[in-house]
Amino acid sequence: MTVPPVTSTEPTDSGSASVEAFCEEYAGLQGEVSETYVGSAEHLADVERLLAVAPDSMSAELVIFRDYLSSGAIDSAADPESNLTENWPAEVQAAIGNVQTFGEENC
């Protein structure tokens, strides 16, 4: 017996309250930022706030991003190239992409 795929307009995460909170926080993080913001304490705090309200399905992705930011790998003053996403590890780029996709699909 084949089970047909479930089609729904509901968010793809079971906790709709956390999706709503995630979307509110996520919306506040969209837009242009300065080069000095990337990797800054403010950037890390923003990711921490997003992680605090993230649905379970996004927690691991945000932990990867948070851990990278907190590692000190981004140093805009000493290494301006370090704040370019394309220079970040593939795992971090994938995590960010997954969070963005989730935001686009659910927010």
N, C-alpha and C. Protein backbone atom coordinates (compact mmCIF):
# COMPACT_ATOMS: atom_id res chain seq x y z
N MET A 1 0.84 -1.18 0.00
CA MET A 1 0.00 0.00 0.00
C MET A 1 0.88 1.24 0.00
N THR A 2 0.56 2.17 -0.86
CA THR A 2 1.32 3.40 -0.95
C THR A 2 0.56 4.51 -0.23
N VAL A 3 1.27 5.23 0.59
CA VAL A 3 0.67 6.34 1.30
C VAL A 3 0.94 7.62 0.52
N PRO A 4 -0.10 8.37 0.15
CA PRO A 4 0.12 9.60 -0.61
C PRO A 4 0.83 10.65 0.25
N PRO A 5 1.60 11.51 -0.38
CA PRO A 5 2.28 12.56 0.39
C PRO A 5 1.27 13.50 1.03
N VAL A 6 1.63 14.01 2.16
CA VAL A 6 0.76 14.94 2.88
C VAL A 6 1.05 16.34 2.35
N THR A 7 -0.01 17.02 1.95
CA THR A 7 0.16 18.40 1.50
C THR A 7 -0.54 19.29 2.51
N SER A 8 0.17 20.31 2.93
CA SER A 8 -0.39 21.17 3.95
C SER A 8 0.13 22.59 3.78
N THR A 9 -0.67 23.52 4.22
CA THR A 9 -0.21 24.91 4.21
C THR A 9 0.34 25.30 5.58
N GLU A 10 0.34 24.33 6.49
CA GLU A 10 0.88 24.58 7.82
C GLU A 10 2.41 24.63 7.75
N PRO A 11 3.05 25.31 8.69
CA PRO A 11 4.51 25.30 8.72
C PRO A 11 5.04 23.87 8.78
N THR A 12 6.24 23.66 8.25
CA THR A 12 6.79 22.31 8.17
C THR A 12 7.36 21.82 9.48
N ASP A 13 7.17 22.53 10.56
CA ASP A 13 7.63 22.10 11.87
C ASP A 13 6.40 21.93 12.75
N SER A 14 6.43 20.95 13.63
CA SER A 14 5.24 20.64 14.42
C SER A 14 4.90 21.71 15.45
N GLY A 15 5.86 22.49 15.90
CA GLY A 15 5.58 23.50 16.91
C GLY A 15 5.27 24.84 16.29
N SER A 16 4.03 25.07 15.91
CA SER A 16 3.69 26.31 15.21
C SER A 16 3.94 27.55 16.05
N ALA A 17 3.82 27.44 17.37
CA ALA A 17 4.11 28.60 18.21
C ALA A 17 5.58 28.97 18.11
N SER A 18 6.46 27.96 18.10
CA SER A 18 7.88 28.26 17.98
C SER A 18 8.21 28.74 16.57
N VAL A 19 7.48 28.27 15.55
CA VAL A 19 7.70 28.76 14.20
C VAL A 19 7.33 30.24 14.14
N GLU A 20 6.23 30.60 14.78
CA GLU A 20 5.81 32.01 14.80
C GLU A 20 6.86 32.88 15.48
N ALA A 21 7.34 32.45 16.63
CA ALA A 21 8.37 33.21 17.35
C ALA A 21 9.66 33.27 16.53
N PHE A 22 10.02 32.16 15.92
CA PHE A 22 11.19 32.12 15.06
C PHE A 22 11.05 33.14 13.94
N CYS A 23 9.89 33.15 13.29
CA CYS A 23 9.66 34.06 12.17
C CYS A 23 9.75 35.52 12.58
N GLU A 24 9.24 35.84 13.75
CA GLU A 24 9.35 37.22 14.24
C GLU A 24 10.80 37.62 14.41
N GLU A 25 11.57 36.75 15.04
CA GLU A 25 12.99 37.04 15.27
C GLU A 25 13.75 37.04 13.95
N TYR A 26 13.45 36.09 13.10
CA TYR A 26 14.11 35.97 11.80
C TYR A 26 13.88 37.22 10.96
N ALA A 27 12.66 37.72 10.95
CA ALA A 27 12.33 38.92 10.16
C ALA A 27 13.18 40.12 10.59
N GLY A 28 13.44 40.22 11.88
CA GLY A 28 14.25 41.32 12.39
C GLY A 28 15.71 41.24 11.99
N LEU A 29 16.14 40.09 11.50
CA LEU A 29 17.54 39.90 11.12
C LEU A 29 17.77 40.03 9.62
N GLN A 30 16.72 40.28 8.87
CA GLN A 30 16.86 40.39 7.42
C GLN A 30 17.30 41.79 7.02
N GLY A 31 17.99 41.88 5.93
CA GLY A 31 18.44 43.17 5.41
C GLY A 31 19.95 43.29 5.43
N GLU A 32 20.40 44.42 4.95
CA GLU A 32 21.84 44.68 4.87
C GLU A 32 22.43 44.92 6.26
N VAL A 33 23.66 44.47 6.44
CA VAL A 33 24.40 44.70 7.68
C VAL A 33 25.79 45.20 7.31
N SER A 34 26.42 45.87 8.24
CA SER A 34 27.77 46.36 7.99
C SER A 34 28.77 45.21 8.10
N GLU A 35 29.93 45.40 7.50
CA GLU A 35 30.97 44.39 7.58
C GLU A 35 31.41 44.15 9.02
N THR A 36 31.36 45.17 9.84
CA THR A 36 31.79 45.02 11.22
C THR A 36 30.78 44.24 12.07
N TYR A 37 29.53 44.14 11.60
CA TYR A 37 28.51 43.37 12.30
C TYR A 37 28.80 41.87 12.23
N VAL A 38 29.28 41.42 11.07
CA VAL A 38 29.50 39.99 10.84
C VAL A 38 30.56 39.48 11.81
N GLY A 39 30.15 38.53 12.64
CA GLY A 39 31.05 37.94 13.62
C GLY A 39 31.18 38.73 14.91
N SER A 40 30.47 39.84 15.01
CA SER A 40 30.56 40.68 16.21
C SER A 40 29.76 40.09 17.37
N ALA A 41 29.94 40.65 18.54
CA ALA A 41 29.17 40.23 19.71
C ALA A 41 27.67 40.44 19.46
N GLU A 42 27.33 41.51 18.76
CA GLU A 42 25.92 41.78 18.43
C GLU A 42 25.37 40.68 17.50
N HIS A 43 26.16 40.28 16.53
CA HIS A 43 25.76 39.22 15.61
C HIS A 43 25.53 37.91 16.38
N LEU A 44 26.46 37.58 17.25
CA LEU A 44 26.35 36.38 18.06
C LEU A 44 25.10 36.44 18.94
N ALA A 45 24.84 37.59 19.54
CA ALA A 45 23.65 37.75 20.39
C ALA A 45 22.37 37.58 19.57
N ASP A 46 22.36 38.08 18.34
CA ASP A 46 21.19 37.92 17.47
C ASP A 46 20.94 36.45 17.15
N VAL A 47 22.01 35.71 16.88
CA VAL A 47 21.87 34.28 16.59
C VAL A 47 21.41 33.54 17.84
N GLU A 48 21.92 33.93 19.00
CA GLU A 48 21.48 33.31 20.26
C GLU A 48 19.98 33.53 20.48
N ARG A 49 19.48 34.74 20.20
CA ARG A 49 18.05 35.02 20.34
C ARG A 49 17.23 34.18 19.37
N LEU A 50 17.73 34.03 18.15
CA LEU A 50 17.04 33.21 17.16
C LEU A 50 17.04 31.75 17.60
N LEU A 51 18.14 31.28 18.11
CA LEU A 51 18.25 29.90 18.60
C LEU A 51 17.29 29.65 19.76
N ALA A 52 17.11 30.64 20.61
CA ALA A 52 16.24 30.49 21.79
C ALA A 52 14.79 30.25 21.40
N VAL A 53 14.36 30.73 20.24
CA VAL A 53 12.97 30.57 19.82
C VAL A 53 12.82 29.62 18.63
N ALA A 54 13.91 29.00 18.21
CA ALA A 54 13.90 28.16 17.01
C ALA A 54 13.15 26.86 17.24
N PRO A 55 12.42 26.41 16.22
CA PRO A 55 11.83 25.07 16.28
C PRO A 55 12.95 24.04 16.37
N ASP A 56 12.64 22.89 16.91
CA ASP A 56 13.63 21.83 17.07
C ASP A 56 14.37 21.52 15.77
N SER A 57 13.66 21.58 14.66
CA SER A 57 14.27 21.23 13.38
C SER A 57 15.36 22.20 12.95
N MET A 58 15.41 23.37 13.55
CA MET A 58 16.42 24.37 13.19
C MET A 58 17.50 24.54 14.24
N SER A 59 17.33 23.94 15.39
CA SER A 59 18.28 24.14 16.49
C SER A 59 19.70 23.72 16.12
N ALA A 60 19.85 22.54 15.54
CA ALA A 60 21.20 22.04 15.21
C ALA A 60 21.88 22.96 14.21
N GLU A 61 21.13 23.45 13.24
CA GLU A 61 21.69 24.35 12.23
C GLU A 61 22.19 25.64 12.88
N LEU A 62 21.38 26.18 13.78
CA LEU A 62 21.76 27.42 14.44
C LEU A 62 22.91 27.23 15.41
N VAL A 63 23.01 26.06 16.02
CA VAL A 63 24.15 25.76 16.90
C VAL A 63 25.44 25.76 16.08
N ILE A 64 25.41 25.17 14.90
CA ILE A 64 26.59 25.16 14.02
C ILE A 64 27.01 26.60 13.72
N PHE A 65 26.06 27.44 13.36
CA PHE A 65 26.35 28.84 13.04
C PHE A 65 26.85 29.59 14.27
N ARG A 66 26.15 29.42 15.39
CA ARG A 66 26.56 30.08 16.63
C ARG A 66 27.98 29.70 17.04
N ASP A 67 28.26 28.42 16.97
CA ASP A 67 29.59 27.94 17.36
C ASP A 67 30.67 28.52 16.46
N TYR A 68 30.36 28.65 15.18
CA TYR A 68 31.35 29.24 14.26
C TYR A 68 31.57 30.71 14.61
N LEU A 69 30.49 31.43 14.84
CA LEU A 69 30.63 32.85 15.20
C LEU A 69 31.42 33.02 16.49
N SER A 70 31.16 32.18 17.47
CA SER A 70 31.82 32.31 18.77
C SER A 70 33.26 31.79 18.76
N SER A 71 33.65 31.11 17.68
CA SER A 71 35.01 30.55 17.61
C SER A 71 36.08 31.61 17.41
N GLY A 72 35.69 32.80 16.98
CA GLY A 72 36.67 33.84 16.69
C GLY A 72 37.24 33.75 15.29
N ALA A 73 36.70 32.87 14.47
CA ALA A 73 37.20 32.69 13.10
C ALA A 73 36.97 33.93 12.24
N ILE A 74 36.00 34.74 12.61
CA ILE A 74 35.70 35.95 11.84
C ILE A 74 36.37 37.12 12.54
N ASP A 75 37.30 37.75 11.85
CA ASP A 75 38.00 38.92 12.38
C ASP A 75 38.08 39.94 11.26
N SER A 76 37.05 40.77 11.16
CA SER A 76 36.93 41.72 10.07
C SER A 76 38.11 42.69 10.00
N ALA A 77 38.67 43.05 11.15
CA ALA A 77 39.77 44.01 11.16
C ALA A 77 41.06 43.37 10.65
N ALA A 78 41.40 42.22 11.15
CA ALA A 78 42.66 41.57 10.78
C ALA A 78 42.56 40.81 9.45
N ASP A 79 41.37 40.28 9.16
CA ASP A 79 41.19 39.48 7.95
C ASP A 79 39.81 39.78 7.36
N PRO A 80 39.69 40.84 6.57
CA PRO A 80 38.40 41.22 6.01
C PRO A 80 37.71 40.11 5.22
N GLU A 81 38.47 39.21 4.64
CA GLU A 81 37.89 38.10 3.88
C GLU A 81 37.18 37.09 4.78
N SER A 82 37.51 37.11 6.07
CA SER A 82 36.92 36.14 6.99
C SER A 82 35.44 36.39 7.23
N ASN A 83 34.95 37.58 6.88
CA ASN A 83 33.53 37.83 7.10
C ASN A 83 32.67 37.54 5.87
N LEU A 84 33.29 37.00 4.83
CA LEU A 84 32.54 36.62 3.63
C LEU A 84 32.06 35.18 3.77
N THR A 85 30.77 35.00 3.65
CA THR A 85 30.16 33.68 3.83
C THR A 85 30.80 32.62 2.95
N GLU A 86 31.16 33.01 1.74
CA GLU A 86 31.74 32.01 0.83
C GLU A 86 33.10 31.49 1.30
N ASN A 87 33.71 32.16 2.26
CA ASN A 87 34.99 31.70 2.83
C ASN A 87 34.80 30.87 4.09
N TRP A 88 33.58 30.67 4.52
CA TRP A 88 33.29 29.89 5.72
C TRP A 88 33.26 28.41 5.38
N PRO A 89 33.44 27.54 6.37
CA PRO A 89 33.38 26.09 6.12
C PRO A 89 32.04 25.69 5.49
N ALA A 90 32.10 24.66 4.66
CA ALA A 90 30.91 24.17 3.96
C ALA A 90 29.77 23.84 4.92
N GLU A 91 30.10 23.26 6.07
CA GLU A 91 29.08 22.90 7.06
C GLU A 91 28.33 24.14 7.55
N VAL A 92 29.05 25.23 7.76
CA VAL A 92 28.44 26.47 8.23
C VAL A 92 27.58 27.07 7.11
N GLN A 93 28.11 27.08 5.90
CA GLN A 93 27.33 27.60 4.77
C GLN A 93 26.04 26.80 4.58
N ALA A 94 26.13 25.48 4.72
CA ALA A 94 24.94 24.63 4.58
C ALA A 94 23.93 24.92 5.68
N ALA A 95 24.41 25.10 6.91
CA ALA A 95 23.51 25.39 8.03
C ALA A 95 22.78 26.71 7.80
N ILE A 96 23.51 27.72 7.36
CA ILE A 96 22.89 29.02 7.08
C ILE A 96 21.87 28.88 5.95
N GLY A 97 22.23 28.15 4.92
CA GLY A 97 21.30 27.93 3.81
C GLY A 97 20.03 27.24 4.26
N ASN A 98 20.16 26.26 5.15
CA ASN A 98 18.99 25.54 5.66
C ASN A 98 18.10 26.46 6.49
N VAL A 99 18.70 27.32 7.29
CA VAL A 99 17.92 28.27 8.08
C VAL A 99 17.20 29.25 7.16
N GLN A 100 17.90 29.74 6.15
CA GLN A 100 17.27 30.67 5.21
C GLN A 100 16.12 30.00 4.45
N THR A 101 16.33 28.77 4.03
CA THR A 101 15.27 28.04 3.33
C THR A 101 14.06 27.85 4.24
N PHE A 102 14.30 27.47 5.48
CA PHE A 102 13.22 27.31 6.44
C PHE A 102 12.46 28.64 6.60
N GLY A 103 13.22 29.74 6.74
CA GLY A 103 12.58 31.05 6.88
C GLY A 103 11.75 31.42 5.66
N GLU A 104 12.28 31.16 4.47
CA GLU A 104 11.55 31.47 3.23
C GLU A 104 10.28 30.64 3.12
N GLU A 105 10.34 29.39 3.52
CA GLU A 105 9.20 28.49 3.38
C GLU A 105 8.14 28.66 4.46
N ASN A 106 8.53 29.17 5.63
CA ASN A 106 7.61 29.18 6.77
C ASN A 106 7.27 30.56 7.31
N CYS A 107 7.99 31.57 6.90
CA CYS A 107 7.76 32.89 7.50
C CYS A 107 7.09 33.86 6.54
